[in-house]
Amino acid sequence: MGELIRTFIAVDFDNPEIVSRAQEVQRRLMEAGAVMKPVEPQ
């Protein structure tokens, strides 16, 4: 396995469509086995 990279990404979105798409990407990454610790949307 390759080198692990730990990162924190925080982005503020005002557009509900962008929020929905970002949540979909997050869901797909987790389904693909990404080790993630997502936080609840605010």
N, C-alpha and C. Protein backbone atom coordinates (compact mmCIF):
# COMPACT_ATOMS: atom_id res chain seq x y z
N MET A 1 0.85 -1.19 0.00
CA MET A 1 0.00 0.00 0.00
C MET A 1 0.89 1.24 0.00
N GLY A 2 0.43 2.30 -0.63
CA GLY A 2 1.20 3.54 -0.72
C GLY A 2 1.20 4.32 0.57
N GLU A 3 1.89 5.42 0.54
CA GLU A 3 2.00 6.31 1.69
C GLU A 3 0.64 6.94 1.99
N LEU A 4 0.29 7.01 3.27
CA LEU A 4 -0.97 7.62 3.68
C LEU A 4 -0.82 9.12 3.79
N ILE A 5 -1.87 9.83 3.42
CA ILE A 5 -1.91 11.28 3.54
C ILE A 5 -3.13 11.65 4.37
N ARG A 6 -2.93 12.43 5.40
CA ARG A 6 -4.04 12.89 6.23
C ARG A 6 -4.24 14.37 5.94
N THR A 7 -5.48 14.75 5.67
CA THR A 7 -5.76 16.14 5.35
C THR A 7 -7.11 16.55 5.93
N PHE A 8 -7.30 17.82 6.08
CA PHE A 8 -8.57 18.38 6.52
C PHE A 8 -9.03 19.37 5.47
N ILE A 9 -10.26 19.23 5.04
CA ILE A 9 -10.80 20.13 4.03
C ILE A 9 -12.10 20.72 4.57
N ALA A 10 -12.19 22.03 4.56
CA ALA A 10 -13.41 22.72 4.98
C ALA A 10 -13.78 23.72 3.89
N VAL A 11 -15.03 23.62 3.45
CA VAL A 11 -15.50 24.51 2.39
C VAL A 11 -16.92 24.96 2.75
N ASP A 12 -17.18 26.25 2.63
CA ASP A 12 -18.53 26.79 2.85
C ASP A 12 -19.23 26.94 1.51
N PHE A 13 -20.41 26.33 1.39
CA PHE A 13 -21.22 26.45 0.19
C PHE A 13 -22.55 27.09 0.56
N ASP A 14 -23.00 28.03 -0.25
CA ASP A 14 -24.31 28.65 -0.04
C ASP A 14 -25.37 28.03 -0.94
N ASN A 15 -24.95 27.44 -2.04
CA ASN A 15 -25.86 26.89 -3.03
C ASN A 15 -26.27 25.47 -2.64
N PRO A 16 -27.57 25.22 -2.40
CA PRO A 16 -28.03 23.89 -1.99
C PRO A 16 -27.67 22.78 -3.00
N GLU A 17 -27.63 23.09 -4.27
CA GLU A 17 -27.27 22.08 -5.27
C GLU A 17 -25.81 21.65 -5.11
N ILE A 18 -24.94 22.61 -4.84
CA ILE A 18 -23.52 22.28 -4.62
C ILE A 18 -23.36 21.45 -3.35
N VAL A 19 -24.10 21.80 -2.30
CA VAL A 19 -24.06 21.03 -1.06
C VAL A 19 -24.48 19.59 -1.33
N SER A 20 -25.55 19.41 -2.07
CA SER A 20 -26.04 18.08 -2.40
C SER A 20 -25.01 17.28 -3.18
N ARG A 21 -24.38 17.90 -4.14
CA ARG A 21 -23.37 17.20 -4.94
C ARG A 21 -22.13 16.85 -4.11
N ALA A 22 -21.74 17.75 -3.23
CA ALA A 22 -20.60 17.47 -2.35
C ALA A 22 -20.90 16.29 -1.43
N GLN A 23 -22.12 16.22 -0.93
CA GLN A 23 -22.53 15.10 -0.08
C GLN A 23 -22.53 13.79 -0.88
N GLU A 24 -22.92 13.86 -2.13
CA GLU A 24 -22.91 12.67 -3.00
C GLU A 24 -21.47 12.19 -3.22
N VAL A 25 -20.55 13.09 -3.46
CA VAL A 25 -19.14 12.72 -3.62
C VAL A 25 -18.64 12.07 -2.33
N GLN A 26 -18.97 12.65 -1.20
CA GLN A 26 -18.58 12.09 0.10
C GLN A 26 -19.12 10.67 0.25
N ARG A 27 -20.38 10.47 -0.09
CA ARG A 27 -21.01 9.15 0.02
C ARG A 27 -20.30 8.14 -0.87
N ARG A 28 -20.00 8.54 -2.10
CA ARG A 28 -19.33 7.63 -3.04
C ARG A 28 -17.93 7.26 -2.57
N LEU A 29 -17.21 8.23 -2.03
CA LEU A 29 -15.87 7.94 -1.51
C LEU A 29 -15.94 6.92 -0.38
N MET A 30 -16.90 7.09 0.51
CA MET A 30 -17.04 6.17 1.63
C MET A 30 -17.44 4.78 1.14
N GLU A 31 -18.34 4.71 0.16
CA GLU A 31 -18.74 3.42 -0.41
C GLU A 31 -17.57 2.73 -1.10
N ALA A 32 -16.64 3.51 -1.63
CA ALA A 32 -15.47 2.95 -2.31
C ALA A 32 -14.40 2.51 -1.32
N GLY A 33 -14.65 2.73 -0.03
CA GLY A 33 -13.72 2.26 0.99
C GLY A 33 -12.79 3.32 1.54
N ALA A 34 -13.02 4.57 1.19
CA ALA A 34 -12.18 5.64 1.73
C ALA A 34 -12.36 5.70 3.25
N VAL A 35 -11.27 5.84 3.96
CA VAL A 35 -11.34 5.99 5.41
C VAL A 35 -11.54 7.48 5.68
N MET A 36 -12.75 7.81 6.09
CA MET A 36 -13.11 9.22 6.27
C MET A 36 -13.83 9.40 7.59
N LYS A 37 -13.77 10.60 8.11
CA LYS A 37 -14.52 10.97 9.30
C LYS A 37 -15.28 12.27 8.97
N PRO A 38 -16.36 12.14 8.21
CA PRO A 38 -17.11 13.35 7.83
C PRO A 38 -17.84 13.94 9.04
N VAL A 39 -18.06 15.23 8.98
CA VAL A 39 -18.81 15.91 10.03
C VAL A 39 -20.22 16.21 9.51
N GLU A 40 -21.11 16.46 10.43
CA GLU A 40 -22.49 16.78 10.06
C GLU A 40 -22.55 18.16 9.40
N PRO A 41 -23.38 18.30 8.37
CA PRO A 41 -23.56 19.63 7.75
C PRO A 41 -24.13 20.61 8.77
N GLN A 42 -23.73 21.86 8.65
CA GLN A 42 -24.22 22.88 9.57
C GLN A 42 -25.34 23.66 8.96
